[in-house]
N, C-alpha and C. Protein backbone atom coordinates (compact mmCIF):
# COMPACT_ATOMS: atom_id res chain seq x y z
N UNK A 1 24.75 42.21 25.80
CA UNK A 1 23.57 42.74 25.13
C UNK A 1 24.03 43.83 24.16
N UNK A 2 23.71 43.67 22.89
CA UNK A 2 24.00 44.71 21.90
C UNK A 2 22.79 45.62 21.84
N UNK A 3 22.98 46.87 22.17
CA UNK A 3 21.87 47.81 22.21
C UNK A 3 22.20 49.04 21.38
N UNK A 4 21.43 49.24 20.31
CA UNK A 4 21.56 50.45 19.49
C UNK A 4 22.94 50.64 18.88
N UNK A 5 23.68 49.56 18.68
CA UNK A 5 25.01 49.70 18.10
C UNK A 5 24.95 49.75 16.58
N UNK A 6 24.23 48.83 16.00
CA UNK A 6 24.16 48.75 14.54
C UNK A 6 22.78 49.22 14.10
N UNK A 7 22.75 50.02 13.05
CA UNK A 7 21.46 50.48 12.52
C UNK A 7 21.32 50.15 11.03
N UNK A 8 22.35 49.55 10.44
CA UNK A 8 22.28 49.19 9.04
C UNK A 8 22.23 47.67 8.92
N UNK A 9 21.06 47.18 8.50
CA UNK A 9 20.85 45.75 8.35
C UNK A 9 20.57 45.39 6.90
N UNK A 10 21.06 46.20 5.96
CA UNK A 10 20.80 45.96 4.54
C UNK A 10 21.55 44.74 4.02
N UNK A 11 22.51 44.23 4.76
CA UNK A 11 23.24 43.03 4.34
C UNK A 11 22.40 41.76 4.51
N UNK A 12 21.30 41.83 5.23
CA UNK A 12 20.38 40.70 5.31
C UNK A 12 19.54 40.68 4.03
N UNK A 13 19.32 39.52 3.44
CA UNK A 13 18.40 39.46 2.30
C UNK A 13 16.99 39.17 2.79
N UNK A 14 16.90 38.51 3.92
CA UNK A 14 15.61 38.27 4.56
C UNK A 14 15.82 38.36 6.06
N UNK A 15 14.78 38.81 6.74
CA UNK A 15 14.88 38.92 8.19
C UNK A 15 13.51 39.04 8.81
N UNK A 16 13.45 38.70 10.09
CA UNK A 16 12.25 38.90 10.90
C UNK A 16 12.60 39.86 12.01
N UNK A 17 11.76 40.87 12.17
CA UNK A 17 11.98 41.88 13.20
C UNK A 17 10.82 41.81 14.19
N UNK A 18 11.14 41.52 15.44
CA UNK A 18 10.13 41.51 16.50
C UNK A 18 9.98 42.91 17.06
N UNK A 19 8.75 43.41 17.07
CA UNK A 19 8.48 44.80 17.48
C UNK A 19 7.61 44.79 18.73
N UNK A 20 8.13 45.42 19.80
CA UNK A 20 7.40 45.52 21.06
C UNK A 20 7.45 46.94 21.59
N UNK A 21 6.65 47.19 22.60
CA UNK A 21 6.65 48.48 23.29
C UNK A 21 5.99 48.32 24.65
N UNK A 22 6.15 49.32 25.46
CA UNK A 22 5.40 49.49 26.72
C UNK A 22 5.39 48.24 27.60
N UNK A 23 6.58 47.77 27.95
CA UNK A 23 6.69 46.65 28.87
C UNK A 23 6.57 47.13 30.33
N UNK A 24 6.96 48.34 30.60
CA UNK A 24 6.87 48.90 31.96
C UNK A 24 7.44 47.93 33.00
N UNK A 25 8.63 47.40 32.71
CA UNK A 25 9.39 46.55 33.62
C UNK A 25 8.87 45.12 33.72
N UNK A 26 7.97 44.71 32.83
CA UNK A 26 7.46 43.35 32.89
C UNK A 26 7.14 42.86 31.48
N UNK A 27 7.97 41.97 30.97
CA UNK A 27 7.83 41.43 29.62
C UNK A 27 7.05 40.12 29.64
N UNK A 28 6.04 40.03 28.81
CA UNK A 28 5.25 38.80 28.68
C UNK A 28 6.15 37.67 28.18
N UNK A 29 6.02 36.49 28.81
CA UNK A 29 6.80 35.33 28.38
C UNK A 29 6.42 34.91 26.96
N UNK A 30 5.13 35.01 26.61
CA UNK A 30 4.69 34.63 25.26
C UNK A 30 5.28 35.57 24.21
N UNK A 31 5.28 36.86 24.51
CA UNK A 31 5.88 37.84 23.60
C UNK A 31 7.37 37.56 23.47
N UNK A 32 8.03 37.30 24.57
CA UNK A 32 9.46 37.04 24.54
C UNK A 32 9.78 35.79 23.70
N UNK A 33 8.92 34.79 23.74
CA UNK A 33 9.13 33.59 22.92
C UNK A 33 9.06 33.94 21.43
N UNK A 34 8.16 34.83 21.06
CA UNK A 34 8.07 35.30 19.65
C UNK A 34 9.35 36.03 19.27
N UNK A 35 9.82 36.91 20.15
CA UNK A 35 11.05 37.69 19.87
C UNK A 35 12.24 36.76 19.66
N UNK A 36 12.31 35.67 20.40
CA UNK A 36 13.45 34.75 20.28
C UNK A 36 13.51 34.07 18.91
N UNK A 37 12.40 34.09 18.17
CA UNK A 37 12.36 33.52 16.82
C UNK A 37 12.70 34.57 15.75
N UNK A 38 12.94 35.81 16.17
CA UNK A 38 13.22 36.91 15.24
C UNK A 38 14.72 37.17 15.16
N UNK A 39 15.13 37.84 14.10
CA UNK A 39 16.55 38.17 13.93
C UNK A 39 16.96 39.35 14.80
N UNK A 40 16.13 40.38 14.86
CA UNK A 40 16.41 41.51 15.73
C UNK A 40 15.13 41.88 16.49
N UNK A 41 15.31 42.63 17.57
CA UNK A 41 14.18 43.09 18.38
C UNK A 41 14.18 44.61 18.40
N UNK A 42 13.00 45.18 18.28
CA UNK A 42 12.80 46.62 18.43
C UNK A 42 11.90 46.84 19.64
N UNK A 43 12.32 47.74 20.52
CA UNK A 43 11.49 48.15 21.67
C UNK A 43 11.22 49.64 21.51
N UNK A 44 9.94 50.00 21.37
CA UNK A 44 9.56 51.39 21.11
C UNK A 44 9.27 52.18 22.39
N UNK A 45 9.96 51.88 23.46
CA UNK A 45 9.93 52.72 24.65
C UNK A 45 8.98 52.31 25.75
N UNK A 46 9.15 52.99 26.89
CA UNK A 46 8.56 52.63 28.17
C UNK A 46 8.98 51.21 28.53
N UNK A 47 10.29 51.05 28.58
CA UNK A 47 10.94 49.77 28.85
C UNK A 47 10.79 49.41 30.33
N UNK A 48 11.24 50.29 31.20
CA UNK A 48 11.06 50.11 32.64
C UNK A 48 12.28 49.66 33.39
N UNK A 49 13.12 48.83 32.79
CA UNK A 49 14.36 48.41 33.45
C UNK A 49 15.23 47.64 32.47
N UNK A 50 16.51 47.52 32.83
CA UNK A 50 17.43 46.77 31.97
C UNK A 50 17.07 45.29 31.92
N UNK A 51 16.38 44.78 32.93
CA UNK A 51 16.03 43.35 32.94
C UNK A 51 15.15 42.97 31.74
N UNK A 52 14.32 43.90 31.27
CA UNK A 52 13.50 43.64 30.09
C UNK A 52 14.39 43.45 28.87
N UNK A 53 15.35 44.34 28.68
CA UNK A 53 16.25 44.25 27.53
C UNK A 53 17.15 43.02 27.64
N UNK A 54 17.59 42.69 28.85
CA UNK A 54 18.43 41.51 29.05
C UNK A 54 17.68 40.22 28.76
N UNK A 55 16.38 40.22 28.97
CA UNK A 55 15.57 39.02 28.73
C UNK A 55 15.37 38.75 27.24
N UNK A 56 15.43 39.79 26.42
CA UNK A 56 15.23 39.63 24.98
C UNK A 56 16.41 38.91 24.36
N UNK A 57 16.13 37.89 23.58
CA UNK A 57 17.18 37.09 22.95
C UNK A 57 16.90 36.86 21.47
N UNK A 58 16.88 37.93 20.65
CA UNK A 58 16.71 37.70 19.22
C UNK A 58 17.93 36.96 18.68
N UNK A 59 17.76 36.28 17.54
CA UNK A 59 18.80 35.41 17.00
C UNK A 59 20.14 36.12 16.79
N UNK A 60 20.14 37.35 16.30
CA UNK A 60 21.39 38.06 16.05
C UNK A 60 21.94 38.72 17.31
N UNK A 61 21.11 38.83 18.34
CA UNK A 61 21.51 39.52 19.56
C UNK A 61 21.28 41.02 19.51
N UNK A 62 20.85 41.53 18.36
CA UNK A 62 20.64 42.97 18.23
C UNK A 62 19.31 43.39 18.82
N UNK A 63 19.38 44.31 19.78
CA UNK A 63 18.20 44.87 20.42
C UNK A 63 18.25 46.37 20.19
N UNK A 64 17.24 46.87 19.51
CA UNK A 64 17.14 48.29 19.18
C UNK A 64 16.07 48.88 20.09
N UNK A 65 16.41 49.92 20.85
CA UNK A 65 15.44 50.47 21.79
C UNK A 65 15.52 52.00 21.82
N UNK A 66 14.37 52.62 22.02
CA UNK A 66 14.28 54.06 22.20
C UNK A 66 13.63 54.35 23.55
N UNK A 67 13.82 55.56 24.02
CA UNK A 67 13.26 55.98 25.31
C UNK A 67 11.81 56.39 25.16
N UNK A 68 11.02 56.00 26.13
CA UNK A 68 9.63 56.45 26.23
C UNK A 68 9.51 57.50 27.32
N UNK A 69 8.33 58.01 27.52
CA UNK A 69 8.12 59.05 28.52
C UNK A 69 8.35 58.54 29.95
N UNK A 70 8.34 57.24 30.17
CA UNK A 70 8.64 56.67 31.49
C UNK A 70 10.06 56.14 31.60
N UNK A 71 10.87 56.37 30.60
CA UNK A 71 12.27 55.93 30.65
C UNK A 71 13.15 57.11 31.04
N UNK A 72 13.10 57.44 32.30
CA UNK A 72 13.89 58.52 32.90
C UNK A 72 14.74 57.91 34.01
N UNK A 73 15.96 58.37 34.19
CA UNK A 73 16.80 57.78 35.24
C UNK A 73 16.11 57.70 36.61
N UNK A 74 15.43 58.72 37.01
CA UNK A 74 14.83 58.71 38.35
C UNK A 74 13.66 57.72 38.47
N UNK A 75 13.18 57.17 37.35
CA UNK A 75 12.12 56.16 37.39
C UNK A 75 12.67 54.73 37.31
N UNK A 76 13.96 54.61 37.00
CA UNK A 76 14.61 53.30 36.90
C UNK A 76 15.48 53.08 38.13
N UNK A 77 15.85 51.84 38.36
CA UNK A 77 16.78 51.51 39.43
C UNK A 77 18.11 52.22 39.18
N UNK A 78 18.77 52.62 40.24
CA UNK A 78 20.03 53.37 40.14
C UNK A 78 21.05 52.67 39.25
N UNK A 79 21.14 51.33 39.34
CA UNK A 79 22.14 50.59 38.55
C UNK A 79 21.92 50.74 37.04
N UNK A 80 20.71 51.14 36.63
CA UNK A 80 20.37 51.26 35.21
C UNK A 80 20.46 52.69 34.67
N UNK A 81 20.87 53.63 35.51
CA UNK A 81 20.84 55.03 35.09
C UNK A 81 21.68 55.30 33.85
N UNK A 82 22.86 54.73 33.76
CA UNK A 82 23.72 54.98 32.58
C UNK A 82 23.05 54.49 31.31
N UNK A 83 22.42 53.32 31.37
CA UNK A 83 21.72 52.78 30.21
C UNK A 83 20.58 53.69 29.79
N UNK A 84 19.72 54.03 30.72
CA UNK A 84 18.53 54.82 30.37
C UNK A 84 18.90 56.22 29.88
N UNK A 85 19.96 56.80 30.42
CA UNK A 85 20.39 58.14 29.98
C UNK A 85 20.84 58.15 28.53
N UNK A 86 21.29 57.00 28.03
CA UNK A 86 21.81 56.95 26.66
C UNK A 86 20.84 56.38 25.64
N UNK A 87 19.61 56.12 26.05
CA UNK A 87 18.61 55.66 25.07
C UNK A 87 18.23 56.83 24.16
N UNK A 88 18.27 56.64 22.86
CA UNK A 88 17.85 57.73 21.95
C UNK A 88 16.33 57.90 21.98
N UNK A 89 15.87 59.05 21.56
CA UNK A 89 14.43 59.30 21.47
C UNK A 89 13.87 58.87 20.12
N UNK A 90 14.72 58.92 19.10
CA UNK A 90 14.33 58.50 17.75
C UNK A 90 15.51 57.72 17.18
N UNK A 91 15.21 56.66 16.45
CA UNK A 91 16.26 55.86 15.84
C UNK A 91 15.80 55.41 14.47
N UNK A 92 16.73 55.41 13.51
CA UNK A 92 16.42 54.96 12.15
C UNK A 92 17.22 53.70 11.84
N UNK A 93 16.55 52.74 11.24
CA UNK A 93 17.20 51.51 10.79
C UNK A 93 17.11 51.41 9.28
N UNK A 94 18.19 51.01 8.65
CA UNK A 94 18.17 50.69 7.22
C UNK A 94 18.09 49.18 7.09
N UNK A 95 17.08 48.72 6.38
CA UNK A 95 16.84 47.29 6.18
C UNK A 95 16.57 47.07 4.69
N UNK A 96 16.59 45.83 4.22
CA UNK A 96 16.30 45.60 2.81
C UNK A 96 14.94 46.18 2.42
N UNK A 97 14.93 47.04 1.43
CA UNK A 97 13.67 47.61 0.94
C UNK A 97 13.25 48.92 1.57
N UNK A 98 14.04 49.47 2.50
CA UNK A 98 13.64 50.77 3.04
C UNK A 98 14.16 51.06 4.43
N UNK A 99 13.54 52.07 5.03
CA UNK A 99 13.96 52.57 6.33
C UNK A 99 12.83 52.40 7.34
N UNK A 100 13.21 52.03 8.56
CA UNK A 100 12.28 51.96 9.68
C UNK A 100 12.69 53.04 10.68
N UNK A 101 11.72 53.84 11.12
CA UNK A 101 11.98 54.85 12.15
C UNK A 101 11.22 54.43 13.40
N UNK A 102 11.91 54.50 14.54
CA UNK A 102 11.32 54.12 15.82
C UNK A 102 11.34 55.32 16.75
N UNK A 103 10.20 55.58 17.37
CA UNK A 103 10.10 56.57 18.44
C UNK A 103 8.95 56.14 19.33
N UNK A 104 8.86 56.74 20.51
CA UNK A 104 7.79 56.34 21.43
C UNK A 104 6.46 57.00 21.06
N UNK A 105 6.50 58.21 20.52
CA UNK A 105 5.27 58.87 20.06
C UNK A 105 4.74 59.93 20.98
N UNK A 106 5.18 59.96 22.22
CA UNK A 106 4.63 60.91 23.20
C UNK A 106 5.01 62.35 22.92
N UNK A 107 6.04 62.58 22.16
CA UNK A 107 6.46 63.96 21.89
C UNK A 107 5.61 64.63 20.81
N UNK A 108 4.82 63.84 20.08
CA UNK A 108 3.89 64.42 19.10
C UNK A 108 2.58 64.80 19.76
N UNK A 109 2.12 63.96 20.67
CA UNK A 109 0.89 64.23 21.41
C UNK A 109 0.93 63.34 22.64
N UNK A 110 0.74 63.93 23.80
CA UNK A 110 0.87 63.17 25.03
C UNK A 110 -0.12 62.02 25.13
N UNK A 111 -1.24 62.09 24.43
CA UNK A 111 -2.26 61.06 24.56
C UNK A 111 -2.30 60.13 23.35
N UNK A 112 -2.43 60.67 22.17
CA UNK A 112 -2.59 59.85 20.97
C UNK A 112 -1.94 60.57 19.79
N UNK A 113 -0.71 60.18 19.42
CA UNK A 113 -0.07 60.86 18.28
C UNK A 113 -0.83 60.58 16.98
N UNK A 114 -1.02 61.62 16.19
CA UNK A 114 -1.68 61.47 14.90
C UNK A 114 -0.71 60.79 13.93
N UNK A 115 -1.20 59.80 13.21
CA UNK A 115 -0.35 59.11 12.25
C UNK A 115 0.13 60.06 11.16
N UNK A 116 -0.67 61.05 10.81
CA UNK A 116 -0.24 62.02 9.81
C UNK A 116 0.96 62.83 10.33
N UNK A 117 0.98 63.15 11.62
CA UNK A 117 2.13 63.86 12.20
C UNK A 117 3.39 62.99 12.15
N UNK A 118 3.22 61.70 12.47
CA UNK A 118 4.37 60.80 12.41
C UNK A 118 4.89 60.66 10.98
N UNK A 119 3.97 60.56 10.03
CA UNK A 119 4.38 60.45 8.62
C UNK A 119 5.09 61.72 8.16
N UNK A 120 4.60 62.87 8.55
CA UNK A 120 5.24 64.14 8.17
C UNK A 120 6.61 64.28 8.80
N UNK A 121 6.75 63.84 10.05
CA UNK A 121 8.03 63.96 10.75
C UNK A 121 9.08 63.02 10.17
N UNK A 122 8.64 61.92 9.59
CA UNK A 122 9.58 60.90 9.08
C UNK A 122 9.21 60.53 7.64
N UNK A 123 9.25 61.51 6.78
CA UNK A 123 8.74 61.34 5.41
C UNK A 123 9.52 60.33 4.57
N UNK A 124 10.75 60.02 4.95
CA UNK A 124 11.53 59.07 4.15
C UNK A 124 11.47 57.64 4.71
N UNK A 125 10.66 57.40 5.72
CA UNK A 125 10.54 56.07 6.31
C UNK A 125 9.48 55.24 5.58
N UNK A 126 9.76 53.98 5.42
CA UNK A 126 8.76 53.06 4.87
C UNK A 126 7.82 52.60 5.98
N UNK A 127 8.36 52.45 7.19
CA UNK A 127 7.57 52.08 8.36
C UNK A 127 7.98 52.97 9.53
N UNK A 128 6.98 53.45 10.25
CA UNK A 128 7.21 54.20 11.48
C UNK A 128 6.63 53.37 12.62
N UNK A 129 7.47 53.09 13.60
CA UNK A 129 7.07 52.31 14.77
C UNK A 129 6.98 53.26 15.95
N UNK A 130 5.88 53.17 16.68
CA UNK A 130 5.75 53.95 17.91
C UNK A 130 5.01 53.11 18.95
N UNK A 131 4.99 53.61 20.17
CA UNK A 131 4.30 52.93 21.27
C UNK A 131 3.37 53.91 21.96
N UNK A 132 3.49 54.01 23.27
CA UNK A 132 2.84 54.99 24.11
C UNK A 132 1.36 54.74 24.37
N UNK A 133 0.58 54.44 23.37
CA UNK A 133 -0.88 54.34 23.56
C UNK A 133 -1.30 52.97 24.08
N UNK A 134 -0.43 51.99 23.97
CA UNK A 134 -0.72 50.60 24.36
C UNK A 134 -1.79 49.97 23.45
N UNK A 135 -2.08 50.59 22.34
CA UNK A 135 -3.11 50.11 21.41
C UNK A 135 -2.42 49.57 20.16
N UNK A 136 -2.62 48.29 19.89
CA UNK A 136 -1.99 47.66 18.73
C UNK A 136 -2.68 48.12 17.44
N UNK A 137 -1.87 48.54 16.47
CA UNK A 137 -2.42 48.99 15.19
C UNK A 137 -1.37 48.84 14.09
N UNK A 138 -1.83 48.48 12.91
CA UNK A 138 -1.00 48.55 11.70
C UNK A 138 -1.80 49.40 10.72
N UNK A 139 -1.34 50.62 10.51
CA UNK A 139 -2.02 51.58 9.64
C UNK A 139 -1.35 51.55 8.27
N UNK A 140 -2.08 51.02 7.28
CA UNK A 140 -1.58 50.93 5.91
C UNK A 140 -2.31 51.91 5.00
N UNK A 141 -2.92 52.94 5.59
CA UNK A 141 -3.68 53.91 4.79
C UNK A 141 -2.82 54.53 3.70
N UNK A 142 -1.59 54.88 4.04
CA UNK A 142 -0.64 55.37 3.05
C UNK A 142 0.16 54.15 2.60
N UNK A 143 -0.03 53.72 1.36
CA UNK A 143 0.56 52.47 0.90
C UNK A 143 2.09 52.46 0.92
N UNK A 144 2.70 53.63 0.84
CA UNK A 144 4.16 53.67 0.81
C UNK A 144 4.76 53.95 2.19
N UNK A 145 3.91 54.18 3.19
CA UNK A 145 4.42 54.52 4.51
C UNK A 145 3.45 54.03 5.59
N UNK A 146 3.79 52.89 6.18
CA UNK A 146 2.94 52.29 7.20
C UNK A 146 3.32 52.80 8.59
N UNK A 147 2.35 52.80 9.49
CA UNK A 147 2.58 53.19 10.88
C UNK A 147 2.15 52.02 11.75
N UNK A 148 3.06 51.59 12.65
CA UNK A 148 2.82 50.42 13.48
C UNK A 148 2.94 50.79 14.95
N UNK A 149 1.98 50.33 15.73
CA UNK A 149 2.08 50.34 17.18
C UNK A 149 1.87 48.89 17.61
N UNK A 150 2.86 48.27 18.25
CA UNK A 150 2.72 46.86 18.61
C UNK A 150 1.82 46.60 19.81
N UNK A 151 1.36 47.66 20.48
CA UNK A 151 0.61 47.50 21.71
C UNK A 151 1.56 47.28 22.87
N UNK A 152 1.04 46.96 24.02
CA UNK A 152 1.87 46.76 25.22
C UNK A 152 2.32 45.30 25.31
N UNK A 153 3.63 45.09 25.45
CA UNK A 153 4.18 43.74 25.53
C UNK A 153 4.29 43.25 26.97
N UNK A 154 3.82 44.06 27.90
CA UNK A 154 3.82 43.67 29.31
C UNK A 154 2.40 43.53 29.80
N UNK A 155 2.21 43.79 31.08
CA UNK A 155 0.91 43.57 31.71
C UNK A 155 0.27 44.87 32.21
N UNK A 156 0.83 46.01 31.85
CA UNK A 156 0.30 47.30 32.27
C UNK A 156 -0.57 47.88 31.17
N UNK A 157 -1.85 48.07 31.44
CA UNK A 157 -2.80 48.67 30.49
C UNK A 157 -2.63 48.09 29.08
N UNK A 158 -2.65 46.78 28.97
CA UNK A 158 -2.36 46.14 27.69
C UNK A 158 -3.59 45.90 26.82
N UNK A 159 -4.71 46.46 27.19
CA UNK A 159 -5.92 46.41 26.36
C UNK A 159 -6.35 44.96 26.07
N UNK A 160 -6.32 44.11 27.10
CA UNK A 160 -6.82 42.75 26.94
C UNK A 160 -5.77 41.68 26.89
N UNK A 161 -4.51 42.04 26.85
CA UNK A 161 -3.43 41.06 26.84
C UNK A 161 -2.20 41.60 26.15
N UNK A 162 -1.02 41.07 26.49
CA UNK A 162 0.22 41.52 25.87
C UNK A 162 0.24 41.22 24.37
N UNK A 163 0.94 42.06 23.64
CA UNK A 163 0.95 41.91 22.18
C UNK A 163 2.29 42.33 21.59
N UNK A 164 2.47 41.95 20.33
CA UNK A 164 3.66 42.35 19.57
C UNK A 164 3.34 42.20 18.08
N UNK A 165 4.25 42.68 17.26
CA UNK A 165 4.14 42.56 15.81
C UNK A 165 5.47 42.03 15.28
N UNK A 166 5.40 41.14 14.31
CA UNK A 166 6.61 40.67 13.63
C UNK A 166 6.56 41.14 12.19
N UNK A 167 7.60 41.86 11.79
CA UNK A 167 7.77 42.31 10.41
C UNK A 167 8.72 41.33 9.73
N UNK A 168 8.23 40.66 8.69
CA UNK A 168 9.06 39.75 7.90
C UNK A 168 9.45 40.45 6.61
N UNK A 169 10.75 40.45 6.33
CA UNK A 169 11.27 41.12 5.14
C UNK A 169 11.99 40.08 4.28
N UNK A 170 11.63 40.06 3.01
CA UNK A 170 12.35 39.26 2.04
C UNK A 170 12.59 40.14 0.84
N UNK A 171 13.84 40.55 0.67
CA UNK A 171 14.22 41.56 -0.32
C UNK A 171 13.39 42.82 -0.09
N UNK A 172 12.50 43.14 -1.02
CA UNK A 172 11.69 44.37 -0.86
C UNK A 172 10.26 44.08 -0.43
N UNK A 173 9.93 42.81 -0.21
CA UNK A 173 8.59 42.43 0.24
C UNK A 173 8.53 42.44 1.76
N UNK A 174 7.58 43.18 2.31
CA UNK A 174 7.41 43.28 3.75
C UNK A 174 6.02 42.78 4.12
N UNK A 175 5.94 42.00 5.19
CA UNK A 175 4.67 41.47 5.66
C UNK A 175 4.64 41.52 7.18
N UNK A 176 3.46 41.69 7.75
CA UNK A 176 3.30 41.81 9.20
C UNK A 176 2.48 40.66 9.75
N UNK A 177 2.85 40.22 10.93
CA UNK A 177 2.04 39.25 11.66
C UNK A 177 1.80 39.83 13.05
N UNK A 178 0.53 39.83 13.46
CA UNK A 178 0.12 40.42 14.72
C UNK A 178 -0.08 39.30 15.74
N UNK A 179 0.40 39.52 16.96
CA UNK A 179 0.21 38.57 18.04
C UNK A 179 -0.46 39.26 19.23
N UNK A 180 -1.42 38.60 19.82
CA UNK A 180 -2.11 39.10 21.02
C UNK A 180 -2.35 37.89 21.92
N UNK A 181 -1.94 38.00 23.18
CA UNK A 181 -2.02 36.87 24.11
C UNK A 181 -3.00 37.16 25.24
N UNK A 182 -3.40 36.08 25.92
CA UNK A 182 -4.27 36.23 27.09
C UNK A 182 -3.54 37.02 28.16
N UNK A 183 -4.30 37.79 28.90
CA UNK A 183 -3.72 38.54 30.00
C UNK A 183 -3.28 37.59 31.11
N UNK A 184 -2.34 38.02 31.88
CA UNK A 184 -1.82 37.24 32.99
C UNK A 184 -2.92 37.00 34.03
N UNK A 185 -3.13 35.74 34.43
CA UNK A 185 -4.19 35.48 35.42
C UNK A 185 -3.86 36.16 36.74
N UNK A 186 -4.88 36.61 37.44
CA UNK A 186 -4.66 37.29 38.71
C UNK A 186 -4.33 36.31 39.82
């Protein structure tokens, strides 16, 4: 598993980036199928265990992940402590046409980070990805700086079903596709 090794993807002329968050140790199979069709995967925190990251199989093998407020060694299985201790809190990716910044969002506001705060904190990013709220949103209010929350990709407080976002990049053109699936039957 390649995790957070490469952050410069400008050598791609086109790519698909699967964006997820808030799996809390349980990744939706439908979301994972979408990620397998992408070139790289981004996880915006509250991962829950290494098994979630090991299950992700983007085409290039690159999995980019940041720590969420529930990604603490004492909340993960002992065998995963080294991994969780080394997850960054913020990560920047260079891709064709701009920069993507990933963070969980809880450090701006424990309940609901303001998009203006995220934009101010990462003023040179074209897209800011965060999680934490479990609410899927693509905020294009600022045309030069979008804010994305993919929602919860697992089954914990997923607001009606697991979800993810795919960012398609072709040179400098960026487009988003939103996915929302039925919740797991009881």
